[in-house]
C-alpha cells in the first residue's frame, strides 16, 4: 500500500497545472507586446509591426481558448504541457525571424521553455524541447529579416559573432537545463523518500494504537462475558434433567470462559509488556536473521559475553525494520558469509553487520543514506560493489536514528574485503519504552 501511495505522489509531481502554463504564456504575451511598443514608439525603429502583432495575437487567442474550454486547475499530461512549451519556442522563433534572428538580444529566451521543462517534465520531453530550440536557433542563423536599427543602413553583425551567439544559446540550454533538472530531481527524490519514511512510521504508530484498542476491547468485553458465564452456569444446574440442553449450555459456558481467558492474556500483555512487547538484544537479532537463513549465504551470529545484564528493549518496529533492511542488503551482496556481532556494556549497545562482498565503492561510501543513489556501476576496480543503496537504506537509517542509534558505514581494512555497518545506541535509549524511543 505504501509503495502505491509513493508511486502516486511521484506520478503527480510529473503533471503541471494548466493554470501554471497559461500564466507563463500570458506573461510572455505581455512581455512581447511591451517590447514591440518600446522598440516602435520609444526607440522609433522600423519594425514589421503587423506580422509581430499577428504572432502575439494568435498566442493570446490560444491562451484565451484554453482558459475558456478547460478548467485551469486541471493537471496536464506531460506531453500536453510539453506541446504548449513547444508552441512558446515556435512563437519566439517567429518573432525573432521578423526582428533580426540571433542578432536580437532576446534570442536567449529560447532557454526559458526548456528550463521550465527541466524542472517539471520527464527527461525525454525536455530533450525534445531542447532539440527544437536548437533547431529554431540554427534556422534563424541563416534565415531572418534585418535587425531593427536606426538609420538607413541595417546593422549587420559579423558571422563569427553570430556563431558565438548560437553556441552560447546551445550551451546555455544544455548546461542550465541539466543543472535545473538535477536540482529538481534531488529535491523530488528527497521528498519521496521522506514520504516513504512517514508512511512506515504511520504504520508503526497504527500498530501501537491497535495494541491500545485491543487492551480497551478486552477490558470492555470482560463484563458481558462474565455475565454470560454466570447465567450459563445457573442454567446448567437448573436443567440437569435435560441432558441434551445441559450439554449445550455447558459447551456455551466453556467457550465463554475461553474467551475470557484470551482477553485476560491480551490485557496482561498490554499492561505488563510481557513476552511480545519487550525483547532481549539476542531475540531482536534472531528475529531479523531468521528470514534469511534459508538462502545460500551463511549468517554467523556472535554475541559477546558481558559482565552487565543483557539489554532488553521494547519491540520497536522501527528497529526491526532498520536492522532487517541492512541485514538484507548484506545478504544480497555477500559472497559466502554475513557476520552479525553484538556487544554491550552499561553505557552502549552495539550491533555490527558485515559481509565478505565487494564492499562499498568509494564514491558511494560518502553518500550512503541519501535517497535514490545512482545505480551506475563504479568505475574503480571493485565491480559489483554495493550500488543502488537508496530509498531502503535511507528509510532504515532514518528510523534507526530516530530511536537514538548512530549508524555508520565503512569497508573492512585491506587485505579483507566487504562492507561493515555499525549501529550503536546509548543503552538507556535502547531500553527505553517505544514512545520515548520515537520521540
Protein backbone atom coordinates (compact mmCIF):
# COMPACT_ATOMS: atom_id res chain seq x y z
CA UNK A 1 0.00 0.00 0.00
CA UNK A 2 2.78 2.47 0.92
CA UNK A 3 4.61 1.79 -2.36
CA UNK A 4 1.44 2.55 -4.30
CA UNK A 5 0.93 5.79 -2.41
CA UNK A 6 4.55 6.86 -3.05
CA UNK A 7 4.15 5.98 -6.71
CA UNK A 8 1.05 8.17 -6.88
CA UNK A 9 2.91 11.06 -5.28
CA UNK A 10 5.81 10.77 -7.71
CA UNK A 11 3.44 10.43 -10.65
CA UNK A 12 1.53 13.57 -9.69
CA UNK A 13 4.74 15.57 -9.50
CA UNK A 14 5.22 14.99 -13.24
CA UNK A 15 1.96 16.78 -14.02
CA UNK A 16 1.83 20.57 -14.40
CA UNK A 17 -1.37 22.53 -13.92
CA UNK A 18 -2.81 24.22 -16.99
CA UNK A 19 -3.07 27.43 -14.96
CA UNK A 20 0.71 27.45 -14.47
CA UNK A 21 1.39 27.15 -18.20
CA UNK A 22 -1.25 29.78 -19.04
CA UNK A 23 0.25 32.24 -16.57
CA UNK A 24 3.64 31.82 -18.21
CA UNK A 25 2.15 32.24 -21.68
CA UNK A 26 0.20 35.37 -20.67
CA UNK A 27 3.42 36.76 -19.18
CA UNK A 28 5.17 36.06 -22.49
CA UNK A 29 2.39 37.83 -24.43
CA UNK A 30 2.60 40.86 -22.15
CA UNK A 31 6.38 40.99 -22.43
CA UNK A 32 6.32 40.67 -26.21
CA UNK A 33 3.74 43.44 -26.61
CA UNK A 34 5.75 45.68 -24.26
CA UNK A 35 8.96 45.04 -26.18
CA UNK A 36 7.27 45.81 -29.52
CA UNK A 37 5.77 49.03 -28.13
CA UNK A 38 9.09 50.23 -26.70
CA UNK A 39 11.04 49.45 -29.88
CA UNK A 40 8.46 51.09 -32.17
CA UNK A 41 7.34 54.06 -30.05
CA UNK A 42 10.29 54.63 -27.74
CA UNK A 43 13.27 53.84 -29.96
CA UNK A 44 11.41 54.58 -33.22
CA UNK A 45 12.97 51.61 -35.00
CA UNK A 46 11.46 50.29 -38.19
CA UNK A 47 9.81 47.02 -37.13
CA UNK A 48 7.38 44.84 -39.14
CA UNK A 49 4.64 45.51 -36.60
CA UNK A 50 1.77 43.71 -38.32
CA UNK A 51 3.44 40.25 -38.55
CA UNK A 52 4.67 40.55 -34.95
CA UNK A 53 1.23 41.57 -33.68
CA UNK A 54 -0.33 38.66 -35.59
CA UNK A 55 2.04 36.17 -33.91
CA UNK A 56 1.38 37.64 -30.46
CA UNK A 57 -2.38 37.83 -31.16
CA UNK A 58 -2.54 34.15 -32.14
CA UNK A 59 -0.72 33.26 -28.95
CA UNK A 60 -3.16 35.32 -26.87
CA UNK A 61 -6.14 33.79 -28.72
CA UNK A 62 -4.87 30.28 -27.95
CA UNK A 63 -4.45 31.22 -24.27
CA UNK A 64 -7.99 32.58 -24.13
CA UNK A 65 -9.40 29.49 -25.83
CA UNK A 66 -7.65 27.14 -23.43
CA UNK A 67 -8.78 29.19 -20.44
CA UNK A 68 -12.41 29.06 -21.52
CA UNK A 69 -12.55 25.49 -22.80
CA UNK A 70 -10.72 23.77 -19.94
CA UNK A 71 -10.52 24.02 -16.18
CA UNK A 72 -7.29 25.93 -15.48
CA UNK A 73 -6.81 23.92 -12.29
CA UNK A 74 -6.61 20.57 -14.09
CA UNK A 75 -3.23 18.88 -14.36
CA UNK A 76 -1.88 18.38 -17.86
CA UNK A 77 -0.35 15.19 -19.13
CA UNK A 78 3.42 15.78 -19.56
CA UNK A 79 3.18 15.51 -23.35
CA UNK A 80 0.44 18.19 -23.45
CA UNK A 81 2.44 20.54 -21.25
CA UNK A 82 5.47 19.94 -23.47
CA UNK A 83 3.33 20.76 -26.51
CA UNK A 84 2.41 24.17 -25.09
CA UNK A 85 6.04 24.88 -24.25
CA UNK A 86 6.98 23.87 -27.79
CA UNK A 87 4.47 26.44 -29.07
CA UNK A 88 6.27 29.06 -26.97
CA UNK A 89 9.53 28.16 -28.72
CA UNK A 90 7.95 28.33 -32.18
CA UNK A 91 6.24 31.67 -31.41
CA UNK A 92 9.53 33.13 -30.16
CA UNK A 93 11.30 31.87 -33.29
CA UNK A 94 8.66 33.56 -35.47
CA UNK A 95 9.07 36.88 -33.66
CA UNK A 96 12.86 36.64 -33.87
CA UNK A 97 12.60 35.92 -37.61
CA UNK A 98 10.92 39.30 -38.13
CA UNK A 99 13.31 41.13 -35.76
CA UNK A 100 16.86 40.13 -36.64
CA UNK A 101 17.18 36.45 -35.74
CA UNK A 102 20.14 35.67 -33.49
CA UNK A 103 21.23 39.31 -33.67
CA UNK A 104 18.25 40.11 -31.47
CA UNK A 105 19.33 40.06 -27.78
CA UNK A 106 16.04 38.39 -26.87
CA UNK A 107 17.19 35.22 -28.66
CA UNK A 108 18.40 33.88 -25.31
CA UNK A 109 14.75 33.48 -24.29
CA UNK A 110 14.90 30.11 -26.09
CA UNK A 111 16.28 28.88 -22.79
CA UNK A 112 13.11 29.60 -20.77
CA UNK A 113 10.72 26.85 -22.04
CA UNK A 114 13.47 24.23 -21.88
CA UNK A 115 14.37 25.29 -18.35
CA UNK A 116 10.72 25.06 -17.25
CA UNK A 117 10.50 21.59 -18.78
CA UNK A 118 13.67 20.50 -16.97
CA UNK A 119 12.10 21.32 -13.62
CA UNK A 120 8.69 19.74 -14.23
CA UNK A 121 8.65 17.25 -17.14
CA UNK A 122 10.33 13.92 -17.93
CA UNK A 123 13.81 13.87 -19.44
CA UNK A 124 12.73 12.70 -22.90
CA UNK A 125 10.37 15.65 -23.29
CA UNK A 126 12.96 18.10 -22.05
CA UNK A 127 15.49 16.74 -24.55
CA UNK A 128 12.90 17.05 -27.33
CA UNK A 129 12.20 20.68 -26.43
CA UNK A 130 15.93 21.37 -26.25
CA UNK A 131 16.43 19.93 -29.74
CA UNK A 132 13.50 22.03 -31.03
CA UNK A 133 15.01 25.18 -29.54
CA UNK A 134 18.42 24.38 -31.07
CA UNK A 135 16.80 23.69 -34.45
CA UNK A 136 14.95 27.03 -34.36
CA UNK A 137 18.11 28.88 -33.34
CA UNK A 138 20.04 27.17 -36.13
CA UNK A 139 17.41 28.13 -38.72
CA UNK A 140 17.47 31.76 -37.52
CA UNK A 141 21.24 31.79 -38.04
CA UNK A 142 20.61 31.60 -41.80
CA UNK A 143 17.08 32.93 -42.30
CA UNK A 144 15.84 36.16 -40.73
CA UNK A 145 14.89 39.73 -41.57
CA UNK A 146 17.30 42.56 -40.68
CA UNK A 147 17.61 43.66 -37.09
CA UNK A 148 15.56 46.85 -36.48
CA UNK A 149 18.03 49.71 -36.19
CA UNK A 150 18.27 53.46 -36.58
CA UNK A 151 19.49 54.88 -39.87
CA UNK A 152 19.09 53.76 -43.42
CA UNK A 153 21.73 51.05 -43.31
CA UNK A 154 20.71 47.88 -41.37
CA UNK A 155 23.08 46.63 -38.68
CA UNK A 156 24.98 43.55 -39.88
CA UNK A 157 26.95 41.69 -37.23
CA UNK A 158 29.93 39.52 -38.29
CA UNK A 159 29.13 35.84 -38.90
CA UNK A 160 31.73 34.79 -36.32
CA UNK A 161 29.84 36.80 -33.69
CA UNK A 162 26.54 35.17 -34.67
CA UNK A 163 28.21 31.77 -34.46
CA UNK A 164 29.28 32.65 -30.91
CA UNK A 165 25.70 33.64 -30.05
CA UNK A 166 24.43 30.35 -31.48
CA UNK A 167 26.98 28.35 -29.47
CA UNK A 168 26.19 30.28 -26.29
CA UNK A 169 22.47 29.56 -26.72
CA UNK A 170 23.26 25.89 -27.28
CA UNK A 171 25.49 25.67 -24.20
CA UNK A 172 23.05 27.65 -22.05
CA UNK A 173 20.20 25.30 -22.97
CA UNK A 174 22.31 22.21 -22.23
CA UNK A 175 24.14 23.23 -19.06
CA UNK A 176 21.41 25.26 -17.35
CA UNK A 177 18.69 22.73 -18.10
CA UNK A 178 20.85 19.85 -16.86
CA UNK A 179 21.62 21.70 -13.65
CA UNK A 180 17.97 22.61 -13.09
CA UNK A 181 16.91 19.03 -13.75
CA UNK A 182 19.44 17.60 -11.28
CA UNK A 183 18.50 20.04 -8.52
CA UNK A 184 14.77 19.45 -9.03
CA UNK A 185 15.19 15.68 -9.25
CA UNK A 186 17.18 15.57 -5.99
CA UNK A 187 14.50 17.61 -4.25
CA UNK A 188 11.79 15.36 -5.68
CA UNK A 189 13.60 12.18 -4.60
CA UNK A 190 14.19 13.52 -1.12
CA UNK A 191 10.51 14.42 -0.84
CA UNK A 192 9.51 10.91 -1.98
CA UNK A 193 11.90 9.29 0.47
CA UNK A 194 10.62 11.38 3.36
CA UNK A 195 7.06 10.47 2.36
CA UNK A 196 8.01 6.78 2.44
CA UNK A 197 9.58 7.21 5.87
CA UNK A 198 6.46 8.90 7.19
CA UNK A 199 4.34 6.05 5.84
CA UNK A 200 6.49 3.48 7.65
CA UNK A 201 6.25 5.47 10.88
CA UNK A 202 2.50 5.93 10.43
CA UNK A 203 2.10 2.18 10.05
CA UNK A 204 4.17 1.65 13.19
CA UNK A 205 2.03 4.14 15.10
CA UNK A 206 -1.09 2.43 13.78
CA UNK A 207 0.12 -0.90 15.17
CA UNK A 208 0.79 0.73 18.53
CA UNK A 209 -2.71 2.17 18.58
CA UNK A 210 -4.14 -1.25 17.76
CA UNK A 211 -2.41 -2.60 20.84
CA UNK A 212 -4.17 0.00 22.97
CA UNK A 213 -7.50 -0.68 21.30
CA UNK A 214 -7.07 -4.41 21.97
CA UNK A 215 -6.50 -3.72 25.65
CA UNK A 216 -9.55 -1.45 25.81
CA UNK A 217 -11.68 -4.03 23.99
CA UNK A 218 -10.52 -6.78 26.36
CA UNK A 219 -11.49 -4.64 29.35
CA UNK A 220 -14.91 -3.73 27.93
CA UNK A 221 -15.78 -7.28 26.85
CA UNK A 222 -14.83 -8.77 30.20
CA UNK A 223 -18.07 -7.76 31.95
CA UNK A 224 -20.60 -9.17 29.43
CA UNK A 225 -18.61 -12.40 29.15
CA UNK A 226 -18.65 -12.77 32.92
CA UNK A 227 -22.42 -12.34 32.85
CA UNK A 228 -22.74 -14.99 30.14
CA UNK A 229 -20.62 -17.46 32.13
CA UNK A 230 -22.64 -16.84 35.32
CA UNK A 231 -26.05 -17.26 33.66
CA UNK A 232 -24.96 -20.33 31.71
CA UNK A 233 -23.71 -21.95 34.94
CA UNK A 234 -27.07 -21.32 36.61
CA UNK A 235 -28.96 -22.68 33.61
CA UNK A 236 -26.74 -25.74 33.59
CA UNK A 237 -27.66 -26.51 37.21
CA UNK A 238 -31.36 -25.79 36.63
CA UNK A 239 -31.60 -28.12 33.61
CA UNK A 240 -29.66 -31.10 34.92
CA UNK A 241 -32.52 -33.42 34.00
CA UNK A 242 -32.45 -32.42 30.31
CA UNK A 243 -29.09 -33.86 29.33
CA UNK A 244 -29.10 -32.55 25.76
CA UNK A 245 -29.83 -28.92 26.73
CA UNK A 246 -27.49 -29.13 29.73
CA UNK A 247 -24.68 -30.33 27.43
CA UNK A 248 -25.22 -27.42 25.05
CA UNK A 249 -25.24 -24.92 27.91
CA UNK A 250 -22.05 -26.44 29.31
CA UNK A 251 -20.36 -26.03 25.91
CA UNK A 252 -21.57 -22.42 25.78
CA UNK A 253 -20.14 -21.74 29.25
CA UNK A 254 -16.76 -23.32 28.38
CA UNK A 255 -16.44 -21.28 25.20
CA UNK A 256 -17.35 -18.08 27.04
CA UNK A 257 -14.75 -18.91 29.66
CA UNK A 258 -12.21 -19.49 26.90
CA UNK A 259 -12.94 -16.03 25.51
CA UNK A 260 -12.40 -14.58 28.98
CA UNK A 261 -9.01 -16.31 29.23
CA UNK A 262 -7.89 -14.99 25.82
CA UNK A 263 -8.91 -11.44 26.73
CA UNK A 264 -7.13 -11.76 30.06
CA UNK A 265 -3.90 -12.63 28.21
CA UNK A 266 -4.30 -9.63 25.89
CA UNK A 267 -4.84 -7.38 28.88
CA UNK A 268 -1.75 -8.83 30.57
CA UNK A 269 0.44 -8.33 27.52
CA UNK A 270 -0.66 -4.72 27.09
CA UNK A 271 -0.32 -3.92 30.77
CA UNK A 272 2.93 -5.65 31.65
CA UNK A 273 4.83 -5.67 28.37
CA UNK A 274 5.17 -9.46 28.55
CA UNK A 275 6.95 -11.61 26.01
CA UNK A 276 5.79 -9.94 22.78
CA UNK A 277 6.13 -6.29 23.81
CA UNK A 278 9.73 -6.32 25.02
CA UNK A 279 12.64 -8.36 23.75
CA UNK A 280 16.26 -9.05 24.57
CA UNK A 281 19.00 -7.94 22.19
CA UNK A 282 19.70 -11.56 21.23
CA UNK A 283 16.00 -12.11 20.46
CA UNK A 284 15.92 -9.00 18.28
CA UNK A 285 18.92 -10.24 16.30
CA UNK A 286 17.49 -13.73 15.89
CA UNK A 287 14.16 -12.33 14.66
CA UNK A 288 15.87 -10.23 11.97
CA UNK A 289 18.23 -13.04 10.95
CA UNK A 290 15.64 -15.84 10.78
CA UNK A 291 14.03 -14.87 7.41
CA UNK A 292 17.45 -15.02 5.68
CA UNK A 293 18.71 -18.37 6.93
CA UNK A 294 17.15 -20.25 4.03
CA UNK A 295 19.46 -18.64 1.49
CA UNK A 296 22.85 -19.96 0.41
CA UNK A 297 24.65 -17.25 2.37
CA UNK A 298 25.85 -18.36 5.80
CA UNK A 299 24.91 -15.99 8.63
CA UNK A 300 27.13 -16.14 11.71
CA UNK A 301 25.81 -14.50 14.88
CA UNK A 302 28.24 -13.69 17.69
CA UNK A 303 27.00 -12.15 20.91
CA UNK A 304 29.77 -11.12 23.27
CA UNK A 305 29.57 -12.15 26.91
CA UNK A 306 29.48 -9.10 29.15
CA UNK A 307 29.51 -8.51 32.87
CA UNK A 308 26.33 -6.43 32.74
CA UNK A 309 22.86 -7.93 32.15
CA UNK A 310 21.70 -8.30 28.55
CA UNK A 311 19.78 -5.19 27.45
CA UNK A 312 16.04 -5.57 26.98
CA UNK A 313 14.27 -3.06 24.76
CA UNK A 314 10.76 -2.51 23.52
CA UNK A 315 9.58 -4.41 20.47
CA UNK A 316 10.11 -1.44 18.20
CA UNK A 317 9.12 -1.93 14.54
CA UNK A 318 11.50 0.89 13.56
CA UNK A 319 14.47 -1.05 14.95
CA UNK A 320 13.29 -4.34 13.45
CA UNK A 321 12.82 -2.76 10.04
CA UNK A 322 16.11 -0.82 10.12
CA UNK A 323 18.30 -3.73 11.23
CA UNK A 324 16.42 -6.12 8.92
CA UNK A 325 16.93 -3.89 5.88
CA UNK A 326 20.67 -3.52 6.50
CA UNK A 327 20.99 -7.28 7.04
CA UNK A 328 19.06 -7.93 3.81
CA UNK A 329 21.48 -5.72 1.86
CA UNK A 330 24.44 -7.58 3.41
CA UNK A 331 22.96 -10.93 2.32
CA UNK A 332 22.34 -9.60 -1.20
CA UNK A 333 25.94 -8.52 -1.71
CA UNK A 334 27.77 -11.19 0.31
CA UNK A 335 29.67 -13.95 -1.48
CA UNK A 336 29.62 -16.58 1.25
CA UNK A 337 29.25 -15.21 4.78
CA UNK A 338 27.48 -12.44 6.68
CA UNK A 339 28.54 -11.79 10.27
CA UNK A 340 26.30 -10.21 12.90
CA UNK A 341 28.23 -9.24 16.03
CA UNK A 342 26.67 -7.69 19.13
CA UNK A 343 28.05 -6.48 22.43
CA UNK A 344 27.02 -4.17 25.24
CA UNK A 345 28.07 -2.58 28.48
CA UNK A 346 26.34 -0.27 30.94
CA UNK A 347 26.51 2.69 28.53
CA UNK A 348 26.31 1.31 24.99
CA UNK A 349 24.51 -1.32 22.92
CA UNK A 350 26.05 -2.09 19.54
CA UNK A 351 25.28 -4.31 16.52
CA UNK A 352 27.82 -4.69 13.71
CA UNK A 353 26.73 -6.30 10.42
CA UNK A 354 29.46 -7.17 7.91
CA UNK A 355 29.75 -9.25 4.75
CA UNK A 356 32.50 -10.66 2.54
CA UNK A 357 31.25 -8.99 -0.64
CA UNK A 358 33.00 -6.30 -2.69
CA UNK A 359 32.25 -3.57 -0.14
CA UNK A 360 31.08 -0.03 -0.73
CA UNK A 361 32.50 1.81 -3.73
CA UNK A 362 34.43 4.91 -2.58
CA UNK A 363 32.07 7.34 -4.33
CA UNK A 364 29.02 5.58 -2.86
CA UNK A 365 30.51 5.34 0.64
CA UNK A 366 30.46 9.12 1.02
CA UNK A 367 26.77 9.28 0.14
CA UNK A 368 25.31 6.25 1.92
CA UNK A 369 21.97 7.16 3.46
CA UNK A 370 20.94 9.60 0.74
CA UNK A 371 17.72 8.59 -1.02
CA UNK A 372 17.85 7.13 -4.53
CA UNK A 373 21.58 6.82 -5.03
CA UNK A 374 22.63 6.28 -8.63
CA UNK A 375 22.65 2.71 -9.85
CA UNK A 376 25.56 3.34 -12.20
CA UNK A 377 28.35 0.86 -11.74
CA UNK A 378 31.51 2.05 -10.11
CA UNK A 379 34.43 2.92 -12.36
CA UNK A 380 37.03 1.65 -9.90
CA UNK A 381 38.42 -1.86 -9.58
CA UNK A 382 35.59 -3.11 -7.38
CA UNK A 383 32.97 -4.25 -9.87
CA UNK A 384 29.77 -5.31 -8.21
CA UNK A 385 30.37 -3.07 -5.23
CA UNK A 386 27.31 -2.01 -3.23
CA UNK A 387 25.31 0.03 -5.75
CA UNK A 388 21.72 1.23 -5.75
CA UNK A 389 21.53 1.58 -1.95
CA UNK A 390 18.90 4.25 -1.99
CA UNK A 391 15.43 4.54 -0.53
CA UNK A 392 15.60 1.37 1.62
CA UNK A 393 18.83 2.36 3.36
CA UNK A 394 17.60 5.94 3.70
CA UNK A 395 14.45 4.76 5.48
CA UNK A 396 16.39 2.25 7.61
CA UNK A 397 18.94 4.86 8.69
CA UNK A 398 16.25 7.46 9.38
CA UNK A 399 14.20 5.07 11.51
CA UNK A 400 17.22 3.82 13.46
CA UNK A 401 18.46 7.35 14.14
CA UNK A 402 15.01 8.31 15.41
CA UNK A 403 15.37 5.56 18.03
CA UNK A 404 18.64 7.13 19.20
CA UNK A 405 21.05 4.98 17.18
CA UNK A 406 24.17 6.18 15.41
CA UNK A 407 24.63 4.38 12.07
CA UNK A 408 27.99 4.36 10.29
CA UNK A 409 29.14 2.66 7.09
CA UNK A 410 32.66 1.52 6.22
CA UNK A 411 34.67 -1.20 4.49
CA UNK A 412 36.83 -3.89 6.03
CA UNK A 413 40.51 -2.93 6.16
CA UNK A 414 42.77 -4.35 3.44
CA UNK A 415 43.51 -7.19 2.65
CA UNK A 416 39.99 -8.19 3.78
CA UNK A 417 37.05 -7.06 1.70
CA UNK A 418 33.42 -6.43 2.46
CA UNK A 419 31.05 -3.83 3.86
CA UNK A 420 30.62 -3.03 7.55
CA UNK A 421 27.60 -1.30 9.10
CA UNK A 422 27.80 -0.29 12.74
CA UNK A 423 24.64 0.52 14.72
CA UNK A 424 25.16 1.85 18.26
CA UNK A 425 22.63 3.07 20.86
CA UNK A 426 23.07 4.62 24.26
CA UNK A 427 21.86 1.80 26.47
CA UNK A 428 19.25 3.95 28.20
CA UNK A 429 17.69 4.83 24.81
CA UNK A 430 17.67 1.19 23.68
CA UNK A 431 15.95 0.07 26.86
CA UNK A 432 13.50 2.98 26.88
CA UNK A 433 9.84 2.45 26.10
CA UNK A 434 8.78 2.61 22.47
CA UNK A 435 7.09 6.00 22.77
CA UNK A 436 10.20 7.57 24.29
CA UNK A 437 12.43 6.00 21.66
CA UNK A 438 10.43 7.52 18.88
CA UNK A 439 10.10 10.95 20.45
